[in-house]
Amino acid sequence: MQRETVLTIATLSWSGYEVAMAVSIDKRWCEPISPRYLVAQV
């Protein structure tokens, strides 16, 4: 849910790795999230 929004926020923050990890734990995403991954999605 709201995955694109999270990716956008994390990318805009440029330090969104920690944010993305926190959200991934909250949303129970079972996939690796990294700055490169976030940028690649954009």
PDB file of N, CA and C in Angstrom:
ATOM      1  N   MET A   1       0.836  -1.204   0.000  1.00  0.00           N
ATOM      2  CA  MET A   1       0.000   0.000   0.000  1.00  0.00           C
ATOM      3  C   MET A   1       0.868   1.250   0.000  1.00  0.00           C
ATOM      4  N   GLN A   2       0.546   2.200  -0.866  1.00  0.00           N
ATOM      5  CA  GLN A   2       1.270   3.469  -0.933  1.00  0.00           C
ATOM      6  C   GLN A   2       2.761   3.255  -1.136  1.00  0.00           C
ATOM      7  N   ARG A   3       3.095   2.220  -1.874  1.00  0.00           N
ATOM      8  CA  ARG A   3       4.502   1.887  -2.062  1.00  0.00           C
ATOM      9  C   ARG A   3       5.220   2.984  -2.851  1.00  0.00           C
ATOM     10  N   GLU A   4       4.570   3.482  -3.900  1.00  0.00           N
ATOM     11  CA  GLU A   4       5.192   4.524  -4.716  1.00  0.00           C
ATOM     12  C   GLU A   4       5.452   5.773  -3.888  1.00  0.00           C
ATOM     13  N   THR A   5       4.512   6.095  -3.008  1.00  0.00           N
ATOM     14  CA  THR A   5       4.669   7.267  -2.150  1.00  0.00           C
ATOM     15  C   THR A   5       5.885   7.115  -1.252  1.00  0.00           C
ATOM     16  N   VAL A   6       6.038   5.950  -0.684  1.00  0.00           N
ATOM     17  CA  VAL A   6       7.175   5.688   0.204  1.00  0.00           C
ATOM     18  C   VAL A   6       8.480   5.811  -0.570  1.00  0.00           C
ATOM     19  N   LEU A   7       8.518   5.245  -1.770  1.00  0.00           N
ATOM     20  CA  LEU A   7       9.728   5.315  -2.585  1.00  0.00           C
ATOM     21  C   LEU A   7      10.061   6.759  -2.911  1.00  0.00           C
ATOM     22  N   THR A   8       9.044   7.542  -3.212  1.00  0.00           N
ATOM     23  CA  THR A   8       9.259   8.949  -3.542  1.00  0.00           C
ATOM     24  C   THR A   8       9.830   9.704  -2.353  1.00  0.00           C
ATOM     25  N   ILE A   9       9.224   9.503  -1.190  1.00  0.00           N
ATOM     26  CA  ILE A   9       9.692  10.179   0.022  1.00  0.00           C
ATOM     27  C   ILE A   9      11.130   9.782   0.330  1.00  0.00           C
ATOM     28  N   ALA A  10      11.415   8.500   0.241  1.00  0.00           N
ATOM     29  CA  ALA A  10      12.752   8.009   0.556  1.00  0.00           C
ATOM     30  C   ALA A  10      13.773   8.566  -0.427  1.00  0.00           C
ATOM     31  N   THR A  11      13.389   8.651  -1.696  1.00  0.00           N
ATOM     32  CA  THR A  11      14.306   9.166  -2.715  1.00  0.00           C
ATOM     33  C   THR A  11      14.552  10.645  -2.497  1.00  0.00           C
ATOM     34  N   LEU A  12      13.510  11.390  -2.165  1.00  0.00           N
ATOM     35  CA  LEU A  12      13.640  12.825  -1.966  1.00  0.00           C
ATOM     36  C   LEU A  12      14.525  13.132  -0.763  1.00  0.00           C
ATOM     37  N   SER A  13      14.481  12.267   0.225  1.00  0.00           N
ATOM     38  CA  SER A  13      15.253  12.516   1.438  1.00  0.00           C
ATOM     39  C   SER A  13      16.726  12.207   1.216  1.00  0.00           C
ATOM     40  N   TRP A  14      17.026  11.344   0.213  1.00  0.00           N
ATOM     41  CA  TRP A  14      18.399  10.957  -0.121  1.00  0.00           C
ATOM     42  C   TRP A  14      19.094  10.253   1.034  1.00  0.00           C
ATOM     43  N   SER A  15      18.457  10.256   2.207  1.00  0.00           N
ATOM     44  CA  SER A  15      18.960   9.437   3.309  1.00  0.00           C
ATOM     45  C   SER A  15      17.831   8.478   3.646  1.00  0.00           C
ATOM     46  N   GLY A  16      17.049   8.179   2.632  1.00  0.00           N
ATOM     47  CA  GLY A  16      15.826   7.421   2.816  1.00  0.00           C
ATOM     48  C   GLY A  16      16.046   5.949   3.084  1.00  0.00           C
ATOM     49  N   TYR A  17      17.311   5.527   3.134  1.00  0.00           N
ATOM     50  CA  TYR A  17      17.575   4.113   3.417  1.00  0.00           C
ATOM     51  C   TYR A  17      16.973   3.714   4.762  1.00  0.00           C
ATOM     52  N   GLU A  18      17.243   4.539   5.784  1.00  0.00           N
ATOM     53  CA  GLU A  18      16.716   4.252   7.117  1.00  0.00           C
ATOM     54  C   GLU A  18      15.195   4.340   7.113  1.00  0.00           C
ATOM     55  N   VAL A  19      14.673   5.337   6.415  1.00  0.00           N
ATOM     56  CA  VAL A  19      13.220   5.505   6.338  1.00  0.00           C
ATOM     57  C   VAL A  19      12.598   4.291   5.658  1.00  0.00           C
ATOM     58  N   ALA A  20      13.191   3.895   4.544  1.00  0.00           N
ATOM     59  CA  ALA A  20      12.655   2.760   3.789  1.00  0.00           C
ATOM     60  C   ALA A  20      12.713   1.482   4.618  1.00  0.00           C
ATOM     61  N   MET A  21      13.798   1.301   5.356  1.00  0.00           N
ATOM     62  CA  MET A  21      13.923   0.114   6.182  1.00  0.00           C
ATOM     63  C   MET A  21      12.857   0.123   7.279  1.00  0.00           C
ATOM     64  N   ALA A  22      12.648   1.277   7.884  1.00  0.00           N
ATOM     65  CA  ALA A  22      11.641   1.398   8.935  1.00  0.00           C
ATOM     66  C   ALA A  22      10.260   1.074   8.382  1.00  0.00           C
ATOM     67  N   VAL A  23       9.972   1.602   7.203  1.00  0.00           N
ATOM     68  CA  VAL A  23       8.674   1.359   6.583  1.00  0.00           C
ATOM     69  C   VAL A  23       8.552  -0.098   6.171  1.00  0.00           C
ATOM     70  N   SER A  24       9.655  -0.655   5.656  1.00  0.00           N
ATOM     71  CA  SER A  24       9.614  -2.043   5.211  1.00  0.00           C
ATOM     72  C   SER A  24       9.302  -2.964   6.392  1.00  0.00           C
ATOM     73  N   ILE A  25       9.832  -2.627   7.554  1.00  0.00           N
ATOM     74  CA  ILE A  25       9.547  -3.419   8.746  1.00  0.00           C
ATOM     75  C   ILE A  25       8.078  -3.242   9.139  1.00  0.00           C
ATOM     76  N   ASP A  26       7.586  -1.999   9.030  1.00  0.00           N
ATOM     77  CA  ASP A  26       6.196  -1.731   9.373  1.00  0.00           C
ATOM     78  C   ASP A  26       5.253  -2.453   8.423  1.00  0.00           C
ATOM     79  N   LYS A  27       5.529  -2.359   7.139  1.00  0.00           N
ATOM     80  CA  LYS A  27       4.640  -2.940   6.136  1.00  0.00           C
ATOM     81  C   LYS A  27       4.950  -4.401   5.871  1.00  0.00           C
ATOM     82  N   ARG A  28       6.004  -4.898   6.534  1.00  0.00           N
ATOM     83  CA  ARG A  28       6.393  -6.299   6.399  1.00  0.00           C
ATOM     84  C   ARG A  28       6.745  -6.657   4.958  1.00  0.00           C
ATOM     85  N   TRP A  29       7.418  -5.743   4.278  1.00  0.00           N
ATOM     86  CA  TRP A  29       7.911  -6.057   2.937  1.00  0.00           C
ATOM     87  C   TRP A  29       9.055  -7.046   3.087  1.00  0.00           C
ATOM     88  N   CYS A  30       9.093  -8.054   2.252  1.00  0.00           N
ATOM     89  CA  CYS A  30      10.108  -9.093   2.363  1.00  0.00           C
ATOM     90  C   CYS A  30      11.137  -8.973   1.250  1.00  0.00           C
ATOM     91  N   GLU A  31      11.362  -7.752   0.778  1.00  0.00           N
ATOM     92  CA  GLU A  31      12.332  -7.562  -0.289  1.00  0.00           C
ATOM     93  C   GLU A  31      13.382  -6.545   0.157  1.00  0.00           C
ATOM     94  N   PRO A  32      14.601  -6.666  -0.318  1.00  0.00           N
ATOM     95  CA  PRO A  32      15.671  -5.746   0.069  1.00  0.00           C
ATOM     96  C   PRO A  32      15.408  -4.350  -0.468  1.00  0.00           C
ATOM     97  N   ILE A  33      15.688  -3.345   0.342  1.00  0.00           N
ATOM     98  CA  ILE A  33      15.511  -1.951  -0.074  1.00  0.00           C
ATOM     99  C   ILE A  33      16.830  -1.218   0.135  1.00  0.00           C
ATOM    100  N   SER A  34      17.283  -0.566  -0.907  1.00  0.00           N
ATOM    101  CA  SER A  34      18.530   0.166  -0.826  1.00  0.00           C
ATOM    102  C   SER A  34      18.410   1.446  -1.646  1.00  0.00           C
ATOM    103  N   PRO A  35      19.275   2.430  -1.417  1.00  0.00           N
ATOM    104  CA  PRO A  35      19.237   3.679  -2.188  1.00  0.00           C
ATOM    105  C   PRO A  35      19.248   3.424  -3.689  1.00  0.00           C
ATOM    106  N   ARG A  36      20.075   2.497  -4.134  1.00  0.00           N
ATOM    107  CA  ARG A  36      20.137   2.197  -5.564  1.00  0.00           C
ATOM    108  C   ARG A  36      18.797   1.668  -6.061  1.00  0.00           C
ATOM    109  N   TYR A  37      18.161   0.833  -5.257  1.00  0.00           N
ATOM    110  CA  TYR A  37      16.860   0.275  -5.619  1.00  0.00           C
ATOM    111  C   TYR A  37      15.814   1.383  -5.732  1.00  0.00           C
ATOM    112  N   LEU A  38      15.854   2.298  -4.771  1.00  0.00           N
ATOM    113  CA  LEU A  38      14.898   3.396  -4.776  1.00  0.00           C
ATOM    114  C   LEU A  38      15.085   4.274  -6.002  1.00  0.00           C
ATOM    115  N   VAL A  39      16.337   4.606  -6.293  1.00  0.00           N
ATOM    116  CA  VAL A  39      16.633   5.447  -7.449  1.00  0.00           C
ATOM    117  C   VAL A  39      16.248   4.734  -8.740  1.00  0.00           C
ATOM    118  N   ALA A  40      16.493   3.423  -8.778  1.00  0.00           N
ATOM    119  CA  ALA A  40      16.187   2.642  -9.974  1.00  0.00           C
ATOM    120  C   ALA A  40      14.687   2.667 -10.264  1.00  0.00           C
ATOM    121  N   GLN A  41      13.883   2.664  -9.213  1.00  0.00           N
ATOM    122  CA  GLN A  41      12.438   2.676  -9.391  1.00  0.00           C
ATOM    123  C   GLN A  41      11.961   4.011  -9.946  1.00  0.00           C
ATOM    124  N   VAL A  42      12.716   5.066  -9.719  1.00  0.00           N
ATOM    125  CA  VAL A  42      12.338   6.393 -10.213  1.00  0.00           C
ATOM    126  C   VAL A  42      12.972   6.598 -11.579  1.00  0.00           C
TER     127      VAL A  42
END
